[in-house]
Amino acid sequence: MKFDREYFKKFDFKPDDVKRYLDSTLHDLDIAQKDDIPEVKFTYSYQALIKMGITLLARVAKVKVRSKPGHHVRILEKMGEILDDEDVAMIGNAMRMKRNTDLYGLSEVRPKGY
């Protein structure tokens, strides 16, 4: 499997490093599961998906993700490759696009008085 050096760097992770990534992922999943607000559930689910990709890449491929524009797309692509499941990248990208629309676009939710 090839990794673009612009987005990934070979790294010798220690088991504790990978465990911290996994713990952070599980923390976000726990928040998503317990919260009742759909937007919170979605945000933390997406974050958990990306963090799980980072964990998977660290554990399986021994690569560290570089924080650059477009790195979430690359994480999702590599997750799909490693898991041999193209749906991971497709669903993840749909979530990413929704997150970007909510984050950067005009939201339908407006504060009172607008």
PDB file of N, CA and C in Angstrom:
ATOM      1  N   MET A   1       0.851  -1.171   0.000  1.00  0.00           N
ATOM      2  CA  MET A   1       0.000   0.000   0.000  1.00  0.00           C
ATOM      3  C   MET A   1       0.900   1.239   0.000  1.00  0.00           C
ATOM      4  N   LYS A   2       0.588   2.166  -0.902  1.00  0.00           N
ATOM      5  CA  LYS A   2       1.369   3.393  -1.016  1.00  0.00           C
ATOM      6  C   LYS A   2       0.717   4.510  -0.203  1.00  0.00           C
ATOM      7  N   PHE A   3       1.568   5.350   0.382  1.00  0.00           N
ATOM      8  CA  PHE A   3       1.106   6.485   1.159  1.00  0.00           C
ATOM      9  C   PHE A   3       1.762   7.757   0.644  1.00  0.00           C
ATOM     10  N   ASP A   4       0.941   8.729   0.312  1.00  0.00           N
ATOM     11  CA  ASP A   4       1.403  10.024  -0.167  1.00  0.00           C
ATOM     12  C   ASP A   4       2.137  10.736   0.971  1.00  0.00           C
ATOM     13  N   ARG A   5       3.389  11.083   0.736  1.00  0.00           N
ATOM     14  CA  ARG A   5       4.209  11.727   1.780  1.00  0.00           C
ATOM     15  C   ARG A   5       3.686  13.098   2.185  1.00  0.00           C
ATOM     16  N   GLU A   6       2.849  13.671   1.339  1.00  0.00           N
ATOM     17  CA  GLU A   6       2.258  14.966   1.693  1.00  0.00           C
ATOM     18  C   GLU A   6       1.294  14.812   2.873  1.00  0.00           C
ATOM     19  N   TYR A   7       0.669  13.633   2.986  1.00  0.00           N
ATOM     20  CA  TYR A   7      -0.350  13.421   4.017  1.00  0.00           C
ATOM     21  C   TYR A   7       0.051  12.421   5.102  1.00  0.00           C
ATOM     22  N   PHE A   8       1.054  11.604   4.837  1.00  0.00           N
ATOM     23  CA  PHE A   8       1.425  10.547   5.781  1.00  0.00           C
ATOM     24  C   PHE A   8       2.937  10.494   5.958  1.00  0.00           C
ATOM     25  N   LYS A   9       3.323  10.104   7.180  1.00  0.00           N
ATOM     26  CA  LYS A   9       4.744   9.983   7.489  1.00  0.00           C
ATOM     27  C   LYS A   9       4.946   8.672   8.247  1.00  0.00           C
ATOM     28  N   LYS A  10       5.929   7.883   7.827  1.00  0.00           N
ATOM     29  CA  LYS A  10       6.257   6.653   8.556  1.00  0.00           C
ATOM     30  C   LYS A  10       6.620   7.039   9.989  1.00  0.00           C
ATOM     31  N   PHE A  11       6.171   6.235  10.941  1.00  0.00           N
ATOM     32  CA  PHE A  11       6.415   6.573  12.340  1.00  0.00           C
ATOM     33  C   PHE A  11       6.452   5.287  13.158  1.00  0.00           C
ATOM     34  N   ASP A  12       7.350   5.223  14.113  1.00  0.00           N
ATOM     35  CA  ASP A  12       7.474   4.063  14.983  1.00  0.00           C
ATOM     36  C   ASP A  12       6.646   4.308  16.251  1.00  0.00           C
ATOM     37  N   PHE A  13       5.384   3.918  16.201  1.00  0.00           N
ATOM     38  CA  PHE A  13       4.484   4.125  17.329  1.00  0.00           C
ATOM     39  C   PHE A  13       4.770   3.122  18.442  1.00  0.00           C
ATOM     40  N   LYS A  14       4.651   3.590  19.653  1.00  0.00           N
ATOM     41  CA  LYS A  14       4.718   2.708  20.812  1.00  0.00           C
ATOM     42  C   LYS A  14       3.289   2.249  21.111  1.00  0.00           C
ATOM     43  N   PRO A  15       3.126   1.099  21.748  1.00  0.00           N
ATOM     44  CA  PRO A  15       1.765   0.622  22.052  1.00  0.00           C
ATOM     45  C   PRO A  15       0.920   1.648  22.810  1.00  0.00           C
ATOM     46  N   ASP A  16       1.536   2.419  23.707  1.00  0.00           N
ATOM     47  CA  ASP A  16       0.787   3.440  24.452  1.00  0.00           C
ATOM     48  C   ASP A  16       0.262   4.545  23.539  1.00  0.00           C
ATOM     49  N   ASP A  17       1.011   4.852  22.468  1.00  0.00           N
ATOM     50  CA  ASP A  17       0.555   5.870  21.511  1.00  0.00           C
ATOM     51  C   ASP A  17      -0.753   5.427  20.858  1.00  0.00           C
ATOM     52  N   VAL A  18      -0.769   4.193  20.379  1.00  0.00           N
ATOM     53  CA  VAL A  18      -1.960   3.668  19.712  1.00  0.00           C
ATOM     54  C   VAL A  18      -3.115   3.567  20.702  1.00  0.00           C
ATOM     55  N   LYS A  19      -2.819   3.173  21.936  1.00  0.00           N
ATOM     56  CA  LYS A  19      -3.871   3.074  22.957  1.00  0.00           C
ATOM     57  C   LYS A  19      -4.489   4.443  23.237  1.00  0.00           C
ATOM     58  N   ARG A  20      -3.684   5.482  23.272  1.00  0.00           N
ATOM     59  CA  ARG A  20      -4.228   6.832  23.490  1.00  0.00           C
ATOM     60  C   ARG A  20      -5.137   7.242  22.335  1.00  0.00           C
ATOM     61  N   TYR A  21      -4.753   6.918  21.103  1.00  0.00           N
ATOM     62  CA  TYR A  21      -5.619   7.197  19.956  1.00  0.00           C
ATOM     63  C   TYR A  21      -6.952   6.460  20.102  1.00  0.00           C
ATOM     64  N   LEU A  22      -6.864   5.187  20.456  1.00  0.00           N
ATOM     65  CA  LEU A  22      -8.080   4.384  20.606  1.00  0.00           C
ATOM     66  C   LEU A  22      -8.952   4.910  21.743  1.00  0.00           C
ATOM     67  N   ASP A  23      -8.337   5.256  22.869  1.00  0.00           N
ATOM     68  CA  ASP A  23      -9.100   5.798  23.997  1.00  0.00           C
ATOM     69  C   ASP A  23      -9.828   7.085  23.610  1.00  0.00           C
ATOM     70  N   SER A  24      -9.175   7.934  22.842  1.00  0.00           N
ATOM     71  CA  SER A  24      -9.803   9.175  22.392  1.00  0.00           C
ATOM     72  C   SER A  24     -10.986   8.879  21.476  1.00  0.00           C
ATOM     73  N   THR A  25     -10.822   7.890  20.608  1.00  0.00           N
ATOM     74  CA  THR A  25     -11.906   7.468  19.718  1.00  0.00           C
ATOM     75  C   THR A  25     -13.102   6.985  20.526  1.00  0.00           C
ATOM     76  N   LEU A  26     -12.836   6.119  21.490  1.00  0.00           N
ATOM     77  CA  LEU A  26     -13.911   5.555  22.316  1.00  0.00           C
ATOM     78  C   LEU A  26     -14.595   6.621  23.154  1.00  0.00           C
ATOM     79  N   HIS A  27     -13.848   7.612  23.594  1.00  0.00           N
ATOM     80  CA  HIS A  27     -14.426   8.730  24.353  1.00  0.00           C
ATOM     81  C   HIS A  27     -15.458   9.477  23.484  1.00  0.00           C
ATOM     82  N   ASP A  28     -15.088   9.758  22.233  1.00  0.00           N
ATOM     83  CA  ASP A  28     -16.007  10.452  21.334  1.00  0.00           C
ATOM     84  C   ASP A  28     -17.233   9.600  21.023  1.00  0.00           C
ATOM     85  N   LEU A  29     -17.038   8.301  20.829  1.00  0.00           N
ATOM     86  CA  LEU A  29     -18.179   7.408  20.586  1.00  0.00           C
ATOM     87  C   LEU A  29     -19.125   7.384  21.779  1.00  0.00           C
ATOM     88  N   ASP A  30     -18.554   7.421  22.972  1.00  0.00           N
ATOM     89  CA  ASP A  30     -19.372   7.428  24.187  1.00  0.00           C
ATOM     90  C   ASP A  30     -20.235   8.688  24.245  1.00  0.00           C
ATOM     91  N   ILE A  31     -19.659   9.823  23.923  1.00  0.00           N
ATOM     92  CA  ILE A  31     -20.422  11.074  23.899  1.00  0.00           C
ATOM     93  C   ILE A  31     -21.535  10.987  22.857  1.00  0.00           C
ATOM     94  N   ALA A  32     -21.196  10.503  21.663  1.00  0.00           N
ATOM     95  CA  ALA A  32     -22.195  10.380  20.593  1.00  0.00           C
ATOM     96  C   ALA A  32     -23.340   9.471  21.007  1.00  0.00           C
ATOM     97  N   GLN A  33     -23.023   8.413  21.697  1.00  0.00           N
ATOM     98  CA  GLN A  33     -24.053   7.453  22.111  1.00  0.00           C
ATOM     99  C   GLN A  33     -24.962   8.028  23.193  1.00  0.00           C
ATOM    100  N   LYS A  34     -24.409   8.788  24.119  1.00  0.00           N
ATOM    101  CA  LYS A  34     -25.175   9.246  25.279  1.00  0.00           C
ATOM    102  C   LYS A  34     -25.956  10.532  25.037  1.00  0.00           C
ATOM    103  N   ASP A  35     -25.512  11.372  24.124  1.00  0.00           N
ATOM    104  CA  ASP A  35     -26.162  12.669  23.931  1.00  0.00           C
ATOM    105  C   ASP A  35     -27.459  12.516  23.148  1.00  0.00           C
ATOM    106  N   ASP A  36     -28.415  13.396  23.440  1.00  0.00           N
ATOM    107  CA  ASP A  36     -29.716  13.355  22.772  1.00  0.00           C
ATOM    108  C   ASP A  36     -29.838  14.316  21.593  1.00  0.00           C
ATOM    109  N   ILE A  37     -28.900  15.215  21.452  1.00  0.00           N
ATOM    110  CA  ILE A  37     -28.975  16.216  20.384  1.00  0.00           C
ATOM    111  C   ILE A  37     -28.374  15.629  19.106  1.00  0.00           C
ATOM    112  N   PRO A  38     -29.162  15.554  18.025  1.00  0.00           N
ATOM    113  CA  PRO A  38     -28.667  14.931  16.797  1.00  0.00           C
ATOM    114  C   PRO A  38     -27.363  15.540  16.263  1.00  0.00           C
ATOM    115  N   GLU A  39     -27.230  16.857  16.336  1.00  0.00           N
ATOM    116  CA  GLU A  39     -26.021  17.504  15.838  1.00  0.00           C
ATOM    117  C   GLU A  39     -24.795  17.091  16.641  1.00  0.00           C
ATOM    118  N   VAL A  40     -24.970  16.927  17.945  1.00  0.00           N
ATOM    119  CA  VAL A  40     -23.864  16.479  18.802  1.00  0.00           C
ATOM    120  C   VAL A  40     -23.514  15.031  18.466  1.00  0.00           C
ATOM    121  N   LYS A  41     -24.541  14.197  18.322  1.00  0.00           N
ATOM    122  CA  LYS A  41     -24.311  12.795  17.935  1.00  0.00           C
ATOM    123  C   LYS A  41     -23.525  12.719  16.631  1.00  0.00           C
ATOM    124  N   PHE A  42     -23.951  13.504  15.641  1.00  0.00           N
ATOM    125  CA  PHE A  42     -23.290  13.482  14.340  1.00  0.00           C
ATOM    126  C   PHE A  42     -21.838  13.954  14.452  1.00  0.00           C
ATOM    127  N   THR A  43     -21.624  15.083  15.109  1.00  0.00           N
ATOM    128  CA  THR A  43     -20.277  15.656  15.215  1.00  0.00           C
ATOM    129  C   THR A  43     -19.318  14.685  15.887  1.00  0.00           C
ATOM    130  N   TYR A  44     -19.746  14.115  16.999  1.00  0.00           N
ATOM    131  CA  TYR A  44     -18.861  13.192  17.720  1.00  0.00           C
ATOM    132  C   TYR A  44     -18.707  11.863  16.992  1.00  0.00           C
ATOM    133  N   SER A  45     -19.709  11.437  16.248  1.00  0.00           N
ATOM    134  CA  SER A  45     -19.585  10.218  15.441  1.00  0.00           C
ATOM    135  C   SER A  45     -18.567  10.425  14.325  1.00  0.00           C
ATOM    136  N   TYR A  46     -18.632  11.577  13.674  1.00  0.00           N
ATOM    137  CA  TYR A  46     -17.671  11.874  12.610  1.00  0.00           C
ATOM    138  C   TYR A  46     -16.252  11.958  13.172  1.00  0.00           C
ATOM    139  N   GLN A  47     -16.110  12.665  14.286  1.00  0.00           N
ATOM    140  CA  GLN A  47     -14.793  12.764  14.916  1.00  0.00           C
ATOM    141  C   GLN A  47     -14.270  11.378  15.275  1.00  0.00           C
ATOM    142  N   ALA A  48     -15.129  10.523  15.799  1.00  0.00           N
ATOM    143  CA  ALA A  48     -14.716   9.168  16.159  1.00  0.00           C
ATOM    144  C   ALA A  48     -14.285   8.379  14.922  1.00  0.00           C
ATOM    145  N   LEU A  49     -14.988   8.550  13.820  1.00  0.00           N
ATOM    146  CA  LEU A  49     -14.623   7.863  12.587  1.00  0.00           C
ATOM    147  C   LEU A  49     -13.224   8.284  12.130  1.00  0.00           C
ATOM    148  N   ILE A  50     -12.951   9.564  12.139  1.00  0.00           N
ATOM    149  CA  ILE A  50     -11.633  10.060  11.733  1.00  0.00           C
ATOM    150  C   ILE A  50     -10.568   9.580  12.712  1.00  0.00           C
ATOM    151  N   LYS A  51     -10.856   9.655  13.996  1.00  0.00           N
ATOM    152  CA  LYS A  51      -9.889   9.188  14.995  1.00  0.00           C
ATOM    153  C   LYS A  51      -9.639   7.685  14.870  1.00  0.00           C
ATOM    154  N   MET A  52     -10.681   6.926  14.529  1.00  0.00           N
ATOM    155  CA  MET A  52     -10.479   5.495  14.329  1.00  0.00           C
ATOM    156  C   MET A  52      -9.585   5.263  13.124  1.00  0.00           C
ATOM    157  N   GLY A  53      -9.735   6.079  12.092  1.00  0.00           N
ATOM    158  CA  GLY A  53      -8.843   5.977  10.940  1.00  0.00           C
ATOM    159  C   GLY A  53      -7.402   6.254  11.323  1.00  0.00           C
ATOM    160  N   ILE A  54      -7.190   7.267  12.125  1.00  0.00           N
ATOM    161  CA  ILE A  54      -5.842   7.603  12.597  1.00  0.00           C
ATOM    162  C   ILE A  54      -5.280   6.443  13.417  1.00  0.00           C
ATOM    163  N   THR A  55      -6.119   5.860  14.268  1.00  0.00           N
ATOM    164  CA  THR A  55      -5.705   4.717  15.078  1.00  0.00           C
ATOM    165  C   THR A  55      -5.339   3.530  14.192  1.00  0.00           C
ATOM    166  N   LEU A  56      -6.186   3.233  13.225  1.00  0.00           N
ATOM    167  CA  LEU A  56      -5.957   2.116  12.307  1.00  0.00           C
ATOM    168  C   LEU A  56      -4.666   2.319  11.513  1.00  0.00           C
ATOM    169  N   LEU A  57      -4.462   3.510  11.012  1.00  0.00           N
ATOM    170  CA  LEU A  57      -3.249   3.804  10.251  1.00  0.00           C
ATOM    171  C   LEU A  57      -2.002   3.680  11.119  1.00  0.00           C
ATOM    172  N   ALA A  58      -2.097   4.113  12.359  1.00  0.00           N
ATOM    173  CA  ALA A  58      -0.957   3.990  13.273  1.00  0.00           C
ATOM    174  C   ALA A  58      -0.660   2.524  13.585  1.00  0.00           C
ATOM    175  N   ARG A  59      -1.695   1.769  13.870  1.00  0.00           N
ATOM    176  CA  ARG A  59      -1.532   0.365  14.286  1.00  0.00           C
ATOM    177  C   ARG A  59      -1.135  -0.551  13.141  1.00  0.00           C
ATOM    178  N   VAL A  60      -1.828  -0.423  12.021  1.00  0.00           N
ATOM    179  CA  VAL A  60      -1.642  -1.363  10.914  1.00  0.00           C
ATOM    180  C   VAL A  60      -0.551  -0.906   9.951  1.00  0.00           C
ATOM    181  N   ALA A  61      -0.585   0.355   9.557  1.00  0.00           N
ATOM    182  CA  ALA A  61       0.326   0.843   8.514  1.00  0.00           C
ATOM    183  C   ALA A  61       1.555   1.553   9.060  1.00  0.00           C
ATOM    184  N   LYS A  62       1.555   1.840  10.360  1.00  0.00           N
ATOM    185  CA  LYS A  62       2.689   2.534  10.985  1.00  0.00           C
ATOM    186  C   LYS A  62       2.967   3.883  10.340  1.00  0.00           C
ATOM    187  N   VAL A  63       1.869   4.612  10.059  1.00  0.00           N
ATOM    188  CA  VAL A  63       2.022   5.952   9.509  1.00  0.00           C
ATOM    189  C   VAL A  63       1.276   6.955  10.384  1.00  0.00           C
ATOM    190  N   LYS A  64       1.851   8.125  10.458  1.00  0.00           N
ATOM    191  CA  LYS A  64       1.267   9.251  11.179  1.00  0.00           C
ATOM    192  C   LYS A  64       0.634  10.164  10.140  1.00  0.00           C
ATOM    193  N   VAL A  65      -0.523  10.704  10.460  1.00  0.00           N
ATOM    194  CA  VAL A  65      -1.241  11.582   9.541  1.00  0.00           C
ATOM    195  C   VAL A  65      -0.751  13.010   9.723  1.00  0.00           C
ATOM    196  N   ARG A  66      -0.446  13.646   8.612  1.00  0.00           N
ATOM    197  CA  ARG A  66      -0.065  15.064   8.649  1.00  0.00           C
ATOM    198  C   ARG A  66      -1.348  15.895   8.571  1.00  0.00           C
ATOM    199  N   SER A  67      -1.427  16.889   9.423  1.00  0.00           N
ATOM    200  CA  SER A  67      -2.605  17.751   9.448  1.00  0.00           C
ATOM    201  C   SER A  67      -2.471  18.806   8.351  1.00  0.00           C
ATOM    202  N   LYS A  68      -3.142  18.539   7.233  1.00  0.00           N
ATOM    203  CA  LYS A  68      -3.108  19.433   6.071  1.00  0.00           C
ATOM    204  C   LYS A  68      -4.497  19.468   5.473  1.00  0.00           C
ATOM    205  N   PRO A  69      -4.823  20.507   4.715  1.00  0.00           N
ATOM    206  CA  PRO A  69      -6.117  20.501   4.034  1.00  0.00           C
ATOM    207  C   PRO A  69      -6.260  19.225   3.194  1.00  0.00           C
ATOM    208  N   GLY A  70      -7.386  18.551   3.372  1.00  0.00           N
ATOM    209  CA  GLY A  70      -7.651  17.321   2.627  1.00  0.00           C
ATOM    210  C   GLY A  70      -7.248  16.049   3.337  1.00  0.00           C
ATOM    211  N   HIS A  71      -6.683  16.168   4.541  1.00  0.00           N
ATOM    212  CA  HIS A  71      -6.206  14.952   5.204  1.00  0.00           C
ATOM    213  C   HIS A  71      -7.345  14.022   5.632  1.00  0.00           C
ATOM    214  N   HIS A  72      -8.523  14.540   5.921  1.00  0.00           N
ATOM    215  CA  HIS A  72      -9.644  13.663   6.275  1.00  0.00           C
ATOM    216  C   HIS A  72     -10.017  12.761   5.098  1.00  0.00           C
ATOM    217  N   VAL A  73     -10.002  13.301   3.900  1.00  0.00           N
ATOM    218  CA  VAL A  73     -10.303  12.503   2.703  1.00  0.00           C
ATOM    219  C   VAL A  73      -9.305  11.360   2.590  1.00  0.00           C
ATOM    220  N   ARG A  74      -8.033  11.659   2.793  1.00  0.00           N
ATOM    221  CA  ARG A  74      -6.982  10.639   2.687  1.00  0.00           C
ATOM    222  C   ARG A  74      -7.118   9.579   3.776  1.00  0.00           C
ATOM    223  N   ILE A  75      -7.475   9.998   4.981  1.00  0.00           N
ATOM    224  CA  ILE A  75      -7.691   9.038   6.076  1.00  0.00           C
ATOM    225  C   ILE A  75      -8.804   8.074   5.691  1.00  0.00           C
ATOM    226  N   LEU A  76      -9.913   8.613   5.208  1.00  0.00           N
ATOM    227  CA  LEU A  76     -11.057   7.768   4.838  1.00  0.00           C
ATOM    228  C   LEU A  76     -10.712   6.815   3.698  1.00  0.00           C
ATOM    229  N   GLU A  77      -9.965   7.303   2.714  1.00  0.00           N
ATOM    230  CA  GLU A  77      -9.553   6.435   1.600  1.00  0.00           C
ATOM    231  C   GLU A  77      -8.706   5.274   2.101  1.00  0.00           C
ATOM    232  N   LYS A  78      -7.734   5.566   2.946  1.00  0.00           N
ATOM    233  CA  LYS A  78      -6.838   4.519   3.451  1.00  0.00           C
ATOM    234  C   LYS A  78      -7.567   3.552   4.376  1.00  0.00           C
ATOM    235  N   MET A  79      -8.518   4.054   5.149  1.00  0.00           N
ATOM    236  CA  MET A  79      -9.338   3.154   5.982  1.00  0.00           C
ATOM    237  C   MET A  79     -10.054   2.139   5.091  1.00  0.00           C
ATOM    238  N   GLY A  80     -10.668   2.639   4.020  1.00  0.00           N
ATOM    239  CA  GLY A  80     -11.368   1.759   3.092  1.00  0.00           C
ATOM    240  C   GLY A  80     -10.446   0.722   2.482  1.00  0.00           C
ATOM    241  N   GLU A  81      -9.232   1.142   2.118  1.00  0.00           N
ATOM    242  CA  GLU A  81      -8.257   0.209   1.550  1.00  0.00           C
ATOM    243  C   GLU A  81      -7.841  -0.854   2.570  1.00  0.00           C
ATOM    244  N   ILE A  82      -7.487  -0.423   3.766  1.00  0.00           N
ATOM    245  CA  ILE A  82      -7.030  -1.359   4.793  1.00  0.00           C
ATOM    246  C   ILE A  82      -8.128  -2.356   5.142  1.00  0.00           C
ATOM    247  N   LEU A  83      -9.362  -1.863   5.266  1.00  0.00           N
ATOM    248  CA  LEU A  83     -10.481  -2.727   5.648  1.00  0.00           C
ATOM    249  C   LEU A  83     -11.091  -3.451   4.447  1.00  0.00           C
ATOM    250  N   ASP A  84     -10.609  -3.128   3.252  1.00  0.00           N
ATOM    251  CA  ASP A  84     -11.133  -3.690   2.010  1.00  0.00           C
ATOM    252  C   ASP A  84     -12.652  -3.507   1.939  1.00  0.00           C
ATOM    253  N   ASP A  85     -13.059  -2.257   2.187  1.00  0.00           N
ATOM    254  CA  ASP A  85     -14.482  -1.921   2.207  1.00  0.00           C
ATOM    255  C   ASP A  85     -14.654  -0.505   1.669  1.00  0.00           C
ATOM    256  N   GLU A  86     -15.057  -0.397   0.409  1.00  0.00           N
ATOM    257  CA  GLU A  86     -15.196   0.923  -0.214  1.00  0.00           C
ATOM    258  C   GLU A  86     -16.310   1.754   0.423  1.00  0.00           C
ATOM    259  N   ASP A  87     -17.256   1.104   1.116  1.00  0.00           N
ATOM    260  CA  ASP A  87     -18.330   1.849   1.769  1.00  0.00           C
ATOM    261  C   ASP A  87     -17.806   2.752   2.880  1.00  0.00           C
ATOM    262  N   VAL A  88     -16.694   2.369   3.511  1.00  0.00           N
ATOM    263  CA  VAL A  88     -16.115   3.192   4.577  1.00  0.00           C
ATOM    264  C   VAL A  88     -15.792   4.581   4.034  1.00  0.00           C
ATOM    265  N   ALA A  89     -15.101   4.625   2.905  1.00  0.00           N
ATOM    266  CA  ALA A  89     -14.735   5.915   2.320  1.00  0.00           C
ATOM    267  C   ALA A  89     -15.964   6.658   1.815  1.00  0.00           C
ATOM    268  N   MET A  90     -16.906   5.947   1.205  1.00  0.00           N
ATOM    269  CA  MET A  90     -18.107   6.609   0.670  1.00  0.00           C
ATOM    270  C   MET A  90     -18.949   7.220   1.786  1.00  0.00           C
ATOM    271  N   ILE A  91     -19.233   6.451   2.814  1.00  0.00           N
ATOM    272  CA  ILE A  91     -20.053   6.952   3.924  1.00  0.00           C
ATOM    273  C   ILE A  91     -19.295   8.034   4.686  1.00  0.00           C
ATOM    274  N   GLY A  92     -18.009   7.802   4.913  1.00  0.00           N
ATOM    275  CA  GLY A  92     -17.196   8.805   5.594  1.00  0.00           C
ATOM    276  C   GLY A  92     -17.154  10.117   4.836  1.00  0.00           C
ATOM    277  N   ASN A  93     -17.043  10.052   3.525  1.00  0.00           N
ATOM    278  CA  ASN A  93     -17.024  11.280   2.726  1.00  0.00           C
ATOM    279  C   ASN A  93     -18.374  11.982   2.736  1.00  0.00           C
ATOM    280  N   ALA A  94     -19.456  11.220   2.766  1.00  0.00           N
ATOM    281  CA  ALA A  94     -20.781  11.837   2.880  1.00  0.00           C
ATOM    282  C   ALA A  94     -20.885  12.578   4.215  1.00  0.00           C
ATOM    283  N   MET A  95     -20.375  11.963   5.270  1.00  0.00           N
ATOM    284  CA  MET A  95     -20.373  12.622   6.585  1.00  0.00           C
ATOM    285  C   MET A  95     -19.487  13.867   6.556  1.00  0.00           C
ATOM    286  N   ARG A  96     -18.336  13.753   5.924  1.00  0.00           N
ATOM    287  CA  ARG A  96     -17.399  14.881   5.840  1.00  0.00           C
ATOM    288  C   ARG A  96     -18.032  16.053   5.103  1.00  0.00           C
ATOM    289  N   MET A  97     -18.703  15.762   3.990  1.00  0.00           N
ATOM    290  CA  MET A  97     -19.336  16.838   3.223  1.00  0.00           C
ATOM    291  C   MET A  97     -20.455  17.503   4.026  1.00  0.00           C
ATOM    292  N   LYS A  98     -21.239  16.721   4.761  1.00  0.00           N
ATOM    293  CA  LYS A  98     -22.286  17.292   5.607  1.00  0.00           C
ATOM    294  C   LYS A  98     -21.661  18.163   6.699  1.00  0.00           C
ATOM    295  N   ARG A  99     -20.591  17.653   7.304  1.00  0.00           N
ATOM    296  CA  ARG A  99     -19.910  18.433   8.335  1.00  0.00           C
ATOM    297  C   ARG A  99     -19.400  19.746   7.761  1.00  0.00           C
ATOM    298  N   ASN A 100     -18.797  19.696   6.579  1.00  0.00           N
ATOM    299  CA  ASN A 100     -18.280  20.913   5.953  1.00  0.00           C
ATOM    300  C   ASN A 100     -19.393  21.894   5.619  1.00  0.00           C
ATOM    301  N   THR A 101     -20.520  21.384   5.145  1.00  0.00           N
ATOM    302  CA  THR A 101     -21.665  22.253   4.847  1.00  0.00           C
ATOM    303  C   THR A 101     -22.169  22.908   6.126  1.00  0.00           C
ATOM    304  N   ASP A 102     -22.288  22.121   7.183  1.00  0.00           N
ATOM    305  CA  ASP A 102     -22.746  22.664   8.464  1.00  0.00           C
ATOM    306  C   ASP A 102     -21.740  23.653   9.041  1.00  0.00           C
ATOM    307  N   LEU A 103     -20.449  23.361   8.859  1.00  0.00           N
ATOM    308  CA  LEU A 103     -19.408  24.188   9.460  1.00  0.00           C
ATOM    309  C   LEU A 103     -19.153  25.467   8.668  1.00  0.00           C
ATOM    310  N   TYR A 104     -19.103  25.358   7.338  1.00  0.00           N
ATOM    311  CA  TYR A 104     -18.715  26.495   6.510  1.00  0.00           C
ATOM    312  C   TYR A 104     -19.866  27.134   5.754  1.00  0.00           C
ATOM    313  N   GLY A 105     -20.961  26.407   5.602  1.00  0.00           N
ATOM    314  CA  GLY A 105     -22.095  26.929   4.839  1.00  0.00           C
ATOM    315  C   GLY A 105     -23.070  27.652   5.743  1.00  0.00           C
ATOM    316  N   LEU A 106     -24.086  28.198   5.138  1.00  0.00           N
ATOM    317  CA  LEU A 106     -25.128  28.883   5.885  1.00  0.00           C
ATOM    318  C   LEU A 106     -26.038  27.833   6.510  1.00  0.00           C
ATOM    319  N   SER A 107     -26.087  27.815   7.801  1.00  0.00           N
ATOM    320  CA  SER A 107     -26.889  26.841   8.518  1.00  0.00           C
ATOM    321  C   SER A 107     -28.352  27.244   8.493  1.00  0.00           C
ATOM    322  N   GLU A 108     -29.221  26.257   8.547  1.00  0.00           N
ATOM    323  CA  GLU A 108     -30.664  26.514   8.602  1.00  0.00           C
ATOM    324  C   GLU A 108     -31.086  26.970  10.007  1.00  0.00           C
ATOM    325  N   VAL A 109     -30.250  26.669  10.978  1.00  0.00           N
ATOM    326  CA  VAL A 109     -30.571  27.040  12.354  1.00  0.00           C
ATOM    327  C   VAL A 109     -30.059  28.459  12.585  1.00  0.00           C
ATOM    328  N   ARG A 110     -30.971  29.326  13.025  1.00  0.00           N
ATOM    329  CA  ARG A 110     -30.590  30.719  13.265  1.00  0.00           C
ATOM    330  C   ARG A 110     -30.946  31.096  14.703  1.00  0.00           C
ATOM    331  N   PRO A 111     -30.076  31.913  15.310  1.00  0.00           N
ATOM    332  CA  PRO A 111     -30.386  32.376  16.672  1.00  0.00           C
ATOM    333  C   PRO A 111     -31.686  33.177  16.684  1.00  0.00           C
ATOM    334  N   LYS A 112     -32.350  33.216  17.824  1.00  0.00           N
ATOM    335  CA  LYS A 112     -33.584  33.993  17.973  1.00  0.00           C
ATOM    336  C   LYS A 112     -33.286  35.453  17.665  1.00  0.00           C
ATOM    337  N   GLY A 113     -34.214  36.096  16.992  1.00  0.00           N
ATOM    338  CA  GLY A 113     -34.054  37.504  16.683  1.00  0.00           C
ATOM    339  C   GLY A 113     -33.548  37.760  15.271  1.00  0.00           C
ATOM    340  N   TYR A 114     -33.214  36.700  14.520  1.00  0.00           N
ATOM    341  CA  TYR A 114     -32.730  36.879  13.151  1.00  0.00           C
ATOM    342  C   TYR A 114     -33.828  36.648  12.158  1.00  0.00           C
TER     343      TYR A 114
END
